[in-house]
């Protein structure tokens, strides 16, 4: 290895060390950690909602396919209700 390539590698290594040091300092701040946790929880919630919505949509499409209709209908019904309580309960009659 020549002198020039070694100095380039050392420069890159020093820059990376500075970036790493800045990240470590930022994560020591409780506000940053709290914000990161909130963002992660929100992202997880949105992701799970999207995945479940797509699953229910695809199963609704499968109810149009006769061989899968009874199975898909039952799964969709189970996913759309909570144990013992409907997600969209019927309106109370006067």
N, C-alpha and C. Protein backbone atom coordinates (compact mmCIF):
# COMPACT_ATOMS: atom_id res chain seq x y z
N UNK A 1 0.84 -1.18 0.00
CA UNK A 1 0.00 0.00 0.00
C UNK A 1 0.89 1.24 0.00
N UNK A 2 0.51 2.19 -0.81
CA UNK A 2 1.34 3.39 -0.85
C UNK A 2 0.86 4.42 0.18
N UNK A 3 1.66 5.45 0.36
CA UNK A 3 1.40 6.48 1.37
C UNK A 3 0.10 7.23 1.10
N UNK A 4 -0.18 7.51 -0.16
CA UNK A 4 -1.37 8.27 -0.53
C UNK A 4 -2.66 7.52 -0.20
N UNK A 5 -2.73 6.25 -0.52
CA UNK A 5 -3.94 5.47 -0.24
C UNK A 5 -4.13 5.29 1.27
N UNK A 6 -3.03 5.17 2.02
CA UNK A 6 -3.15 5.05 3.47
C UNK A 6 -3.71 6.33 4.08
N UNK A 7 -3.27 7.47 3.59
CA UNK A 7 -3.77 8.74 4.13
C UNK A 7 -5.24 8.94 3.77
N UNK A 8 -5.66 8.49 2.57
CA UNK A 8 -7.07 8.58 2.19
C UNK A 8 -7.92 7.70 3.11
N UNK A 9 -7.45 6.49 3.38
CA UNK A 9 -8.18 5.59 4.26
C UNK A 9 -8.27 6.15 5.68
N UNK A 10 -7.19 6.75 6.16
CA UNK A 10 -7.22 7.35 7.49
C UNK A 10 -8.20 8.53 7.55
N UNK A 11 -8.25 9.31 6.50
CA UNK A 11 -9.19 10.43 6.45
C UNK A 11 -10.63 9.93 6.49
N UNK A 12 -10.92 8.92 5.70
CA UNK A 12 -12.26 8.34 5.68
C UNK A 12 -12.61 7.75 7.04
N UNK A 13 -11.66 7.06 7.66
CA UNK A 13 -11.88 6.46 8.97
C UNK A 13 -12.16 7.53 10.02
N UNK A 14 -11.43 8.63 9.99
CA UNK A 14 -11.66 9.73 10.95
C UNK A 14 -13.06 10.33 10.75
N UNK A 15 -13.47 10.51 9.50
CA UNK A 15 -14.80 11.05 9.22
C UNK A 15 -15.88 10.12 9.75
N UNK A 16 -15.70 8.83 9.53
CA UNK A 16 -16.67 7.85 10.02
C UNK A 16 -16.72 7.83 11.55
N UNK A 17 -15.57 7.96 12.17
CA UNK A 17 -15.52 8.00 13.63
C UNK A 17 -16.26 9.22 14.17
N UNK A 18 -16.13 10.36 13.52
CA UNK A 18 -16.84 11.57 13.93
C UNK A 18 -18.34 11.39 13.79
N UNK A 19 -18.77 10.80 12.68
CA UNK A 19 -20.20 10.56 12.49
C UNK A 19 -20.74 9.61 13.56
N UNK A 20 -19.99 8.57 13.86
CA UNK A 20 -20.40 7.62 14.89
C UNK A 20 -20.46 8.28 16.26
N UNK A 21 -19.50 9.11 16.56
CA UNK A 21 -19.48 9.82 17.84
C UNK A 21 -20.70 10.75 17.95
N UNK A 22 -21.06 11.42 16.86
CA UNK A 22 -22.24 12.29 16.87
C UNK A 22 -23.51 11.49 17.09
N UNK A 23 -23.62 10.32 16.46
CA UNK A 23 -24.80 9.47 16.65
C UNK A 23 -24.90 8.98 18.09
N UNK A 24 -23.79 8.61 18.67
CA UNK A 24 -23.79 8.12 20.05
C UNK A 24 -24.21 9.24 20.99
N UNK A 25 -23.71 10.44 20.77
CA UNK A 25 -24.09 11.57 21.61
C UNK A 25 -25.57 11.89 21.47
N UNK A 26 -26.10 11.78 20.25
CA UNK A 26 -27.52 12.08 20.02
C UNK A 26 -28.41 11.07 20.72
N UNK A 27 -28.00 9.81 20.78
CA UNK A 27 -28.85 8.79 21.41
C UNK A 27 -28.78 8.85 22.93
N UNK A 28 -27.83 9.59 23.48
CA UNK A 28 -27.79 9.75 24.93
C UNK A 28 -28.86 10.73 25.40
N UNK A 29 -29.35 11.57 24.51
CA UNK A 29 -30.37 12.54 24.85
C UNK A 29 -31.72 11.83 24.96
N UNK A 30 -32.40 11.96 26.10
CA UNK A 30 -33.65 11.25 26.31
C UNK A 30 -34.75 11.73 25.36
N UNK A 31 -34.71 12.99 24.98
CA UNK A 31 -35.73 13.51 24.06
C UNK A 31 -35.61 12.86 22.69
N UNK A 32 -34.39 12.66 22.25
CA UNK A 32 -34.17 12.02 20.96
C UNK A 32 -34.63 10.57 21.02
N UNK A 33 -34.28 9.88 22.08
CA UNK A 33 -34.70 8.48 22.24
C UNK A 33 -36.21 8.36 22.31
N UNK A 34 -36.85 9.28 23.04
CA UNK A 34 -38.30 9.26 23.14
C UNK A 34 -38.93 9.49 21.77
N UNK A 35 -38.44 10.47 21.04
CA UNK A 35 -38.95 10.74 19.69
C UNK A 35 -38.76 9.56 18.76
N UNK A 36 -37.61 8.90 18.86
CA UNK A 36 -37.36 7.73 18.03
C UNK A 36 -38.33 6.60 18.39
N UNK A 37 -38.61 6.43 19.66
CA UNK A 37 -39.56 5.39 20.08
C UNK A 37 -40.97 5.68 19.60
N UNK A 38 -41.38 6.94 19.68
CA UNK A 38 -42.72 7.32 19.20
C UNK A 38 -42.81 7.08 17.70
N UNK A 39 -41.78 7.48 16.97
CA UNK A 39 -41.79 7.29 15.51
C UNK A 39 -41.83 5.80 15.16
N UNK A 40 -41.08 4.98 15.87
CA UNK A 40 -41.07 3.55 15.60
C UNK A 40 -42.43 2.94 15.90
N UNK A 41 -43.05 3.32 17.01
CA UNK A 41 -44.36 2.80 17.35
C UNK A 41 -45.41 3.22 16.34
N UNK A 42 -45.36 4.47 15.91
CA UNK A 42 -46.32 4.96 14.92
C UNK A 42 -46.14 4.23 13.59
N UNK A 43 -44.90 4.03 13.19
CA UNK A 43 -44.63 3.31 11.95
C UNK A 43 -45.10 1.87 12.01
N UNK A 44 -44.92 1.23 13.15
CA UNK A 44 -45.39 -0.14 13.33
C UNK A 44 -46.91 -0.20 13.23
N UNK A 45 -47.58 0.75 13.86
CA UNK A 45 -49.04 0.79 13.82
C UNK A 45 -49.55 0.99 12.39
N UNK A 46 -48.97 1.92 11.67
CA UNK A 46 -49.39 2.18 10.29
C UNK A 46 -49.10 0.95 9.42
N UNK A 47 -47.94 0.35 9.58
CA UNK A 47 -47.59 -0.84 8.80
C UNK A 47 -48.54 -2.00 9.04
N UNK A 48 -48.87 -2.25 10.30
CA UNK A 48 -49.79 -3.35 10.62
C UNK A 48 -51.18 -3.07 10.06
N UNK A 49 -51.60 -1.81 10.10
CA UNK A 49 -52.91 -1.45 9.56
C UNK A 49 -52.95 -1.70 8.06
N UNK A 50 -51.90 -1.31 7.37
CA UNK A 50 -51.85 -1.50 5.91
C UNK A 50 -51.85 -2.99 5.57
N UNK A 51 -51.05 -3.77 6.29
CA UNK A 51 -50.98 -5.21 6.01
C UNK A 51 -52.33 -5.88 6.26
N UNK A 52 -52.99 -5.58 7.37
CA UNK A 52 -54.29 -6.18 7.65
C UNK A 52 -55.34 -5.74 6.64
N UNK A 53 -55.30 -4.48 6.23
CA UNK A 53 -56.25 -3.99 5.23
C UNK A 53 -56.07 -4.72 3.91
N UNK A 54 -54.83 -4.90 3.50
CA UNK A 54 -54.57 -5.62 2.25
C UNK A 54 -55.00 -7.08 2.36
N UNK A 55 -54.77 -7.69 3.51
CA UNK A 55 -55.18 -9.08 3.72
C UNK A 55 -56.70 -9.23 3.62
N UNK A 56 -57.42 -8.34 4.28
CA UNK A 56 -58.88 -8.41 4.23
C UNK A 56 -59.38 -8.14 2.81
N UNK A 57 -58.77 -7.18 2.13
CA UNK A 57 -59.16 -6.88 0.75
C UNK A 57 -58.96 -8.10 -0.16
N UNK A 58 -57.80 -8.74 -0.03
CA UNK A 58 -57.52 -9.91 -0.87
C UNK A 58 -58.46 -11.07 -0.53
N UNK A 59 -58.78 -11.24 0.74
CA UNK A 59 -59.72 -12.29 1.12
C UNK A 59 -61.14 -11.98 0.62
N UNK A 60 -61.50 -10.70 0.61
CA UNK A 60 -62.80 -10.33 0.04
C UNK A 60 -62.85 -10.68 -1.44
N UNK A 61 -61.74 -10.49 -2.14
CA UNK A 61 -61.69 -10.89 -3.54
C UNK A 61 -61.82 -12.40 -3.69
N UNK A 62 -61.25 -13.14 -2.74
CA UNK A 62 -61.30 -14.60 -2.80
C UNK A 62 -62.71 -15.13 -2.56
N UNK A 63 -63.57 -14.32 -1.94
CA UNK A 63 -64.94 -14.79 -1.71
C UNK A 63 -65.72 -14.89 -3.02
N UNK A 64 -65.22 -14.28 -4.08
CA UNK A 64 -65.86 -14.38 -5.40
C UNK A 64 -65.45 -15.66 -6.13
N UNK A 65 -64.47 -16.35 -5.63
CA UNK A 65 -63.97 -17.58 -6.23
C UNK A 65 -64.65 -18.75 -5.51
N UNK A 66 -65.55 -19.44 -6.20
CA UNK A 66 -66.43 -20.43 -5.57
C UNK A 66 -65.74 -21.48 -4.70
N UNK A 67 -64.63 -22.10 -5.11
CA UNK A 67 -64.04 -23.11 -4.23
C UNK A 67 -63.53 -22.55 -2.90
N UNK A 68 -63.14 -21.28 -2.87
CA UNK A 68 -62.61 -20.69 -1.64
C UNK A 68 -63.65 -19.88 -0.87
N UNK A 69 -64.83 -19.71 -1.43
CA UNK A 69 -65.82 -18.81 -0.84
C UNK A 69 -66.13 -19.11 0.63
N UNK A 70 -66.43 -20.35 1.02
CA UNK A 70 -66.77 -20.57 2.44
C UNK A 70 -65.60 -20.28 3.39
N UNK A 71 -64.41 -20.63 2.98
CA UNK A 71 -63.24 -20.41 3.83
C UNK A 71 -62.90 -18.93 3.94
N UNK A 72 -62.87 -18.26 2.80
CA UNK A 72 -62.52 -16.84 2.79
C UNK A 72 -63.57 -16.02 3.53
N UNK A 73 -64.83 -16.35 3.36
CA UNK A 73 -65.91 -15.61 4.05
C UNK A 73 -65.76 -15.74 5.56
N UNK A 74 -65.45 -16.93 6.01
CA UNK A 74 -65.29 -17.15 7.46
C UNK A 74 -64.09 -16.38 8.01
N UNK A 75 -62.99 -16.39 7.28
CA UNK A 75 -61.79 -15.66 7.73
C UNK A 75 -62.07 -14.17 7.77
N UNK A 76 -62.70 -13.63 6.72
CA UNK A 76 -63.01 -12.21 6.69
C UNK A 76 -63.93 -11.85 7.85
N UNK A 77 -64.92 -12.68 8.11
CA UNK A 77 -65.85 -12.43 9.22
C UNK A 77 -65.09 -12.40 10.55
N UNK A 78 -64.18 -13.33 10.75
CA UNK A 78 -63.41 -13.37 11.99
C UNK A 78 -62.49 -12.17 12.13
N UNK A 79 -61.88 -11.74 11.02
CA UNK A 79 -60.97 -10.60 11.07
C UNK A 79 -61.71 -9.29 11.30
N UNK A 80 -62.94 -9.20 10.84
CA UNK A 80 -63.68 -7.96 10.95
C UNK A 80 -64.43 -7.81 12.26
N UNK A 81 -64.40 -8.82 13.12
CA UNK A 81 -65.08 -8.73 14.42
C UNK A 81 -64.09 -8.96 15.54
N UNK A 82 -64.39 -8.36 16.67
CA UNK A 82 -63.61 -8.62 17.87
C UNK A 82 -64.27 -9.78 18.61
N UNK A 83 -63.58 -10.43 19.48
CA UNK A 83 -64.21 -11.52 20.23
C UNK A 83 -65.41 -11.00 21.04
N UNK A 84 -66.58 -11.47 20.66
CA UNK A 84 -67.79 -11.11 21.38
C UNK A 84 -68.39 -9.77 21.04
N UNK A 85 -67.74 -9.00 20.15
CA UNK A 85 -68.26 -7.68 19.83
C UNK A 85 -67.94 -7.31 18.40
N UNK A 86 -68.92 -6.83 17.67
CA UNK A 86 -68.70 -6.44 16.29
C UNK A 86 -67.95 -5.12 16.24
N UNK A 87 -67.08 -4.95 15.22
CA UNK A 87 -66.35 -3.71 15.05
C UNK A 87 -67.33 -2.58 14.74
N UNK A 88 -68.28 -2.83 13.86
CA UNK A 88 -69.30 -1.85 13.51
C UNK A 88 -70.63 -2.36 14.03
N UNK A 89 -70.94 -2.12 15.30
CA UNK A 89 -72.17 -2.66 15.86
C UNK A 89 -73.39 -2.01 15.19
N UNK A 90 -74.49 -2.75 15.13
CA UNK A 90 -75.69 -2.18 14.51
C UNK A 90 -76.22 -1.00 15.34
N UNK A 91 -76.84 -0.07 14.63
CA UNK A 91 -77.38 1.11 15.30
C UNK A 91 -78.55 0.71 16.19
N UNK A 92 -78.66 1.36 17.32
CA UNK A 92 -79.75 1.07 18.25
C UNK A 92 -81.06 1.57 17.69
N UNK A 93 -82.10 0.77 17.81
CA UNK A 93 -83.41 1.19 17.31
C UNK A 93 -84.11 2.03 18.37
N UNK A 94 -84.88 3.04 17.93
CA UNK A 94 -85.54 3.93 18.91
C UNK A 94 -86.69 3.30 19.62
